[in-house]
Amino acid sequence: MPVEYLSKEAIAAHDRQRQLSKEAQRALISGLCTQLAGRKLCLDAGVGTGSVALPLIRAGVPLVGIDISRAMLAALRAKSDGRVPFPLVQGDVTRLPFRDWTFGAVLAANLFHLIPNWREAVAEIVRVLQPGGLLLVNFGGGEGTGQGGRILAKFREYLGGEYTLKGEAAGLQKVEDFDQCLVRYNATTLAPLEVRSRQAWTVEQAIDRLEHNVFAWPGGVDQTALHRAAATTRAWAREHLGPLDEPHLSERTITYRIYQIHNTARDADADGAITRGLG
């Protein structure tokens, strides 16, 4: 996957899409802190602009962040007045530059659908987890329901093959496939962390986020195709949904599936799989 394919507009749209109500944000960070308590050093794999990591750092959770995009990491630093608020690494989750058993927990939000060889990323994450460590995964979703779902469906239709080829077909498709992958690591599925968020949004905001590649579709989608699909979606929305600036209320559930990993990647592979790391 190319390292840099996100514009500043796309990163801003990404952040707006991830925003939660104040109550939901407090509940999410509180829930994550409870899960991470006593786990010592944690890794945020695909840390992005720090929408989860920064509040966790402020809450006292020791973290390291890694992301393939320098632009995302620059946006994270900008949120911290240009400082590096905790250790950050620009790198590939399928080749983590850490020793075996470095972390007590790993967070991964909206990540695996972007990685064609996502099983390699899982193997690397498990390798750097301590035995008995936690893997907390947010697979995203929730955008395909209600009025927002209708907008997304139309945008996909007007965007055509660009989305199918560079978005949906990129990485992990089904949570069931992820669960099956973890069987080899003797993983236990624990009770999930679920947080409800109720927010207002407008049709224009929804289309704007799609126009600026809010889902960070791998390789990027041609900007001309995005703008064309957005314009056509706006025309459709005016006819079928009414004013683009009319507010709508929606509820969504943010879910982190929690897995406890009992075997390391090295234990699981008969040939002694990936054990590289930095000294």
Protein backbone atom coordinates (compact mmCIF):
# COMPACT_ATOMS: atom_id res chain seq x y z
CA MET A 1 0.00 0.00 0.00
CA PRO A 2 1.41 3.44 -0.83
CA VAL A 3 2.46 5.28 2.31
CA GLU A 4 1.04 8.66 1.32
CA TYR A 5 -2.31 8.77 -0.41
CA LEU A 6 -4.35 10.86 2.04
CA SER A 7 -4.86 14.55 1.53
CA LYS A 8 -5.26 17.02 4.39
CA GLU A 9 -8.96 17.11 3.55
CA ALA A 10 -9.16 13.34 3.80
CA ILE A 11 -7.45 13.35 7.19
CA ALA A 12 -9.79 16.08 8.45
CA ALA A 13 -12.78 14.07 7.18
CA HIS A 14 -11.39 10.98 8.90
CA ASP A 15 -11.24 12.87 12.20
CA ARG A 16 -14.77 14.23 11.84
CA GLN A 17 -16.07 10.74 11.10
CA ARG A 18 -14.43 9.38 14.26
CA GLN A 19 -15.80 12.10 16.54
CA LEU A 20 -18.11 10.92 19.28
CA SER A 21 -20.41 12.74 21.64
CA LYS A 22 -18.65 13.90 24.81
CA GLU A 23 -20.52 11.31 26.86
CA ALA A 24 -19.61 8.49 24.47
CA GLN A 25 -15.97 9.59 24.31
CA ARG A 26 -15.71 9.55 28.10
CA ALA A 27 -17.35 6.12 28.26
CA LEU A 28 -15.04 4.73 25.56
CA ILE A 29 -11.83 5.97 27.16
CA SER A 30 -12.99 4.83 30.59
CA GLY A 31 -13.81 1.37 29.22
CA LEU A 32 -10.48 1.07 27.43
CA CYS A 33 -8.59 2.20 30.54
CA THR A 34 -10.33 -0.53 32.53
CA GLN A 35 -9.28 -3.16 29.97
CA LEU A 36 -5.70 -1.86 29.76
CA ALA A 37 -5.15 -1.47 33.50
CA GLY A 38 -2.10 -3.44 34.62
CA ARG A 39 -1.11 -4.34 31.06
CA LYS A 40 1.89 -2.01 31.16
CA LEU A 41 3.05 -0.90 27.71
CA CYS A 42 0.40 -0.95 24.96
CA LEU A 43 0.61 -0.58 21.18
CA ASP A 44 -1.86 1.39 19.07
CA ALA A 45 -1.51 -0.29 15.67
CA GLY A 46 -2.71 2.18 13.05
CA VAL A 47 -2.67 5.06 15.51
CA GLY A 48 -3.77 7.57 12.84
CA THR A 49 -4.24 11.08 14.22
CA GLY A 50 -4.48 9.87 17.81
CA SER A 51 -8.23 10.16 18.32
CA VAL A 52 -8.05 7.25 20.79
CA ALA A 53 -4.38 7.29 21.76
CA LEU A 54 -4.18 10.92 22.91
CA PRO A 55 -7.04 10.63 25.45
CA LEU A 56 -5.53 7.37 26.70
CA ILE A 57 -2.14 9.01 27.19
CA ARG A 58 -3.81 11.82 29.14
CA ALA A 59 -5.49 9.14 31.26
CA GLY A 60 -2.09 7.66 32.11
CA VAL A 61 -1.99 4.63 29.79
CA PRO A 62 1.59 4.02 28.51
CA LEU A 63 1.44 3.75 24.72
CA VAL A 64 3.49 3.37 21.57
CA GLY A 65 1.85 4.25 18.26
CA ILE A 66 2.61 3.04 14.74
CA ASP A 67 1.10 4.12 11.44
CA ILE A 68 2.11 3.73 7.80
CA SER A 69 1.13 7.32 6.95
CA ARG A 70 3.52 10.15 7.77
CA ALA A 71 0.69 12.58 7.10
CA MET A 72 -1.47 10.97 9.78
CA LEU A 73 1.38 11.10 12.28
CA ALA A 74 2.03 14.75 11.41
CA ALA A 75 -1.63 15.50 12.13
CA LEU A 76 -1.28 13.73 15.48
CA ARG A 77 1.73 15.89 16.37
CA ALA A 78 -0.16 19.02 15.29
CA LYS A 79 -2.84 18.17 17.85
CA SER A 80 -0.09 18.24 20.47
CA ASP A 81 1.32 21.66 19.51
CA GLY A 82 3.97 20.07 17.32
CA ARG A 83 5.30 17.81 20.07
CA VAL A 84 5.67 14.05 19.98
CA PRO A 85 3.37 13.21 22.91
CA PHE A 86 4.40 9.55 23.14
CA PRO A 87 6.68 7.22 21.13
CA LEU A 88 5.59 7.14 17.49
CA VAL A 89 6.84 4.96 14.66
CA GLN A 90 6.18 5.39 10.96
CA GLY A 91 5.98 1.81 9.75
CA ASP A 92 4.06 -1.17 8.43
CA VAL A 93 1.93 -3.27 10.77
CA THR A 94 2.84 -6.36 8.73
CA ARG A 95 6.50 -5.82 9.71
CA LEU A 96 6.47 -4.46 13.25
CA PRO A 97 9.89 -3.17 14.40
CA PHE A 98 9.53 -4.47 17.96
CA ARG A 99 10.87 -7.43 19.91
CA ASP A 100 8.72 -10.46 20.68
CA TRP A 101 6.52 -10.09 23.77
CA THR A 102 6.97 -6.29 24.00
CA PHE A 103 3.37 -5.29 24.73
CA GLY A 104 0.73 -6.26 27.23
CA ALA A 105 -2.05 -5.15 24.89
CA VAL A 106 -2.58 -4.01 21.29
CA LEU A 107 -5.32 -1.69 20.02
CA ALA A 108 -6.36 -1.83 16.37
CA ALA A 109 -9.24 0.35 15.15
CA ASN A 110 -10.52 0.45 11.55
CA LEU A 111 -7.35 -1.22 10.35
CA PHE A 112 -7.61 -4.76 8.97
CA HIS A 113 -9.98 -3.96 6.10
CA LEU A 114 -7.20 -1.76 4.68
CA ILE A 115 -4.52 -4.48 4.63
CA PRO A 116 -4.59 -7.02 1.76
CA ASN A 117 -2.28 -9.40 3.67
CA TRP A 118 -4.08 -8.81 6.97
CA ARG A 119 -3.19 -12.27 8.32
CA GLU A 120 0.48 -11.22 8.30
CA ALA A 121 -0.49 -8.20 10.38
CA VAL A 122 -2.28 -10.48 12.85
CA ALA A 123 0.80 -12.72 13.10
CA GLU A 124 3.02 -9.71 13.78
CA ILE A 125 0.65 -8.29 16.39
CA VAL A 126 0.47 -11.65 18.15
CA ARG A 127 4.27 -11.94 18.01
CA VAL A 128 4.80 -8.69 19.91
CA LEU A 129 2.06 -9.48 22.45
CA GLN A 130 3.03 -11.03 25.74
CA PRO A 131 1.42 -14.45 26.35
CA GLY A 132 -2.00 -13.78 27.84
CA GLY A 133 -2.01 -10.27 26.34
CA LEU A 134 -5.10 -8.56 24.99
CA LEU A 135 -5.95 -7.62 21.42
CA LEU A 136 -8.73 -5.01 21.24
CA VAL A 137 -10.17 -4.56 17.74
CA ASN A 138 -12.72 -2.10 16.41
CA PHE A 139 -13.81 -3.31 12.98
CA GLY A 140 -15.79 -0.14 12.30
CA GLY A 141 -19.17 -0.32 10.62
CA GLY A 142 -22.50 1.33 11.36
CA GLU A 143 -22.30 3.63 8.34
CA GLY A 144 -24.49 1.34 6.25
CA THR A 145 -27.72 1.84 8.17
CA GLY A 146 -30.53 4.40 8.06
CA GLN A 147 -30.31 7.60 6.03
CA GLY A 148 -26.54 7.49 6.12
CA GLY A 149 -26.67 4.04 4.58
CA ARG A 150 -28.74 5.29 1.67
CA ILE A 151 -26.20 8.05 1.01
CA LEU A 152 -23.28 5.64 1.18
CA ALA A 153 -25.03 3.19 -1.17
CA LYS A 154 -25.67 5.91 -3.76
CA PHE A 155 -22.10 7.20 -3.49
CA ARG A 156 -20.78 3.68 -4.07
CA GLU A 157 -23.08 3.29 -7.05
CA TYR A 158 -21.93 6.54 -8.65
CA LEU A 159 -18.28 5.89 -7.84
CA GLY A 160 -18.51 2.53 -9.57
CA GLY A 161 -15.61 0.16 -9.91
CA GLU A 162 -13.12 2.47 -8.19
CA TYR A 163 -14.61 1.61 -4.81
CA THR A 164 -14.89 -2.11 -5.43
CA LEU A 165 -11.34 -2.44 -6.72
CA LYS A 166 -9.54 -0.22 -4.23
CA GLY A 167 -11.80 -0.31 -1.22
CA GLU A 168 -13.97 -3.27 -0.40
CA ALA A 169 -11.67 -5.85 -1.97
CA ALA A 170 -8.56 -4.64 -0.17
CA GLY A 171 -8.43 -6.53 3.10
CA LEU A 172 -10.48 -8.27 5.75
CA GLN A 173 -14.10 -8.75 4.69
CA LYS A 174 -15.73 -10.67 7.53
CA VAL A 175 -15.24 -10.64 11.29
CA GLU A 176 -15.78 -14.42 11.17
CA ASP A 177 -12.60 -14.74 9.09
CA PHE A 178 -10.69 -12.80 11.72
CA ASP A 179 -12.02 -15.04 14.50
CA GLN A 180 -11.02 -18.12 12.51
CA CYS A 181 -7.53 -16.73 12.02
CA LEU A 182 -7.11 -16.34 15.79
CA VAL A 183 -7.97 -19.99 16.46
CA ARG A 184 -4.36 -20.95 15.73
CA TYR A 185 -3.22 -18.64 18.53
CA ASN A 186 -5.51 -20.24 21.11
CA ALA A 187 -7.38 -16.96 21.55
CA THR A 188 -10.22 -16.51 24.01
CA THR A 189 -12.97 -14.08 23.03
CA LEU A 190 -13.93 -11.91 25.99
CA ALA A 191 -16.98 -9.71 26.51
CA PRO A 192 -16.83 -6.77 24.06
CA LEU A 193 -16.62 -3.10 24.99
CA GLU A 194 -19.67 -1.34 23.52
CA VAL A 195 -20.44 2.38 23.64
CA ARG A 196 -23.48 4.14 22.18
CA SER A 197 -23.08 7.57 20.61
CA ARG A 198 -25.97 9.85 19.56
CA GLN A 199 -25.08 12.73 17.27
CA ALA A 200 -26.48 15.21 14.78
CA TRP A 201 -25.25 15.33 11.19
CA THR A 202 -26.30 16.76 7.84
CA VAL A 203 -26.45 15.18 4.40
CA GLU A 204 -23.79 17.62 3.20
CA GLN A 205 -21.44 16.50 5.97
CA ALA A 206 -21.98 12.86 5.05
CA ILE A 207 -21.24 13.46 1.37
CA ASP A 208 -18.27 15.70 2.14
CA ARG A 209 -16.64 12.94 4.17
CA LEU A 210 -17.12 10.45 1.36
CA GLU A 211 -15.79 12.92 -1.19
CA HIS A 212 -12.59 13.24 0.83
CA ASN A 213 -11.96 9.50 1.20
CA VAL A 214 -13.08 9.22 4.82
CA PHE A 215 -12.65 5.43 4.73
CA ALA A 216 -9.00 5.82 3.71
CA TRP A 217 -9.51 3.43 0.79
CA PRO A 218 -6.13 1.82 0.07
CA GLY A 219 -4.13 3.30 -2.76
CA GLY A 220 -6.51 6.21 -2.81
CA VAL A 221 -9.37 6.66 -5.23
CA ASP A 222 -8.91 9.06 -8.12
CA GLN A 223 -9.88 12.52 -6.91
CA THR A 224 -11.81 13.30 -10.08
CA ALA A 225 -13.89 10.15 -9.57
CA LEU A 226 -14.56 11.11 -5.95
CA HIS A 227 -15.65 14.64 -6.85
CA ARG A 228 -17.86 13.38 -9.68
CA ALA A 229 -19.54 10.81 -7.43
CA ALA A 230 -20.07 13.44 -4.72
CA ALA A 231 -21.69 15.89 -7.14
CA THR A 232 -24.05 13.24 -8.46
CA THR A 233 -24.89 12.10 -4.92
CA ARG A 234 -25.70 15.68 -3.91
CA ALA A 235 -28.09 16.01 -6.83
CA TRP A 236 -29.79 12.74 -5.88
CA ALA A 237 -30.00 13.76 -2.21
CA ARG A 238 -31.63 17.11 -2.96
CA GLU A 239 -34.35 15.31 -4.88
CA HIS A 240 -34.91 12.40 -2.48
CA LEU A 241 -33.78 13.57 0.97
CA GLY A 242 -34.46 17.30 0.98
CA PRO A 243 -32.14 20.17 2.03
CA LEU A 244 -28.52 19.16 2.39
CA ASP A 245 -28.05 21.25 5.53
CA GLU A 246 -31.00 19.80 7.45
CA PRO A 247 -29.78 18.11 10.66
CA HIS A 248 -30.44 14.42 11.28
CA LEU A 249 -30.02 12.54 14.55
CA SER A 250 -28.43 9.12 14.50
CA GLU A 251 -27.19 6.55 16.97
CA ARG A 252 -24.33 4.17 16.45
CA THR A 253 -22.52 1.64 18.56
CA ILE A 254 -18.75 1.64 18.81
CA THR A 255 -17.64 -1.91 19.51
CA TYR A 256 -14.23 -3.19 20.50
CA ARG A 257 -13.99 -6.98 20.29
CA ILE A 258 -11.53 -8.22 22.90
CA TYR A 259 -9.35 -11.28 22.48
CA GLN A 260 -6.92 -12.77 24.97
CA ILE A 261 -4.02 -14.41 23.14
CA HIS A 262 -2.55 -17.45 24.86
CA ASN A 263 -0.03 -18.54 22.22
CA THR A 264 2.52 -16.35 20.49
CA ALA A 265 2.94 -16.33 16.71
CA ARG A 266 6.20 -18.22 17.22
CA ASP A 267 4.46 -20.91 19.28
CA ALA A 268 1.67 -21.28 16.71
CA ASP A 269 3.90 -21.85 13.68
CA ALA A 270 5.65 -25.18 13.36
CA ASP A 271 8.48 -23.55 11.43
CA GLY A 272 9.08 -20.84 14.03
CA ALA A 273 7.32 -18.00 12.25
CA ILE A 274 8.33 -14.36 12.19
CA THR A 275 10.64 -13.55 15.11
CA ARG A 276 12.37 -10.45 13.78
CA GLY A 277 12.66 -7.40 15.99
CA LEU A 278 14.89 -4.49 16.83
CA GLY A 279 17.70 -4.92 19.29
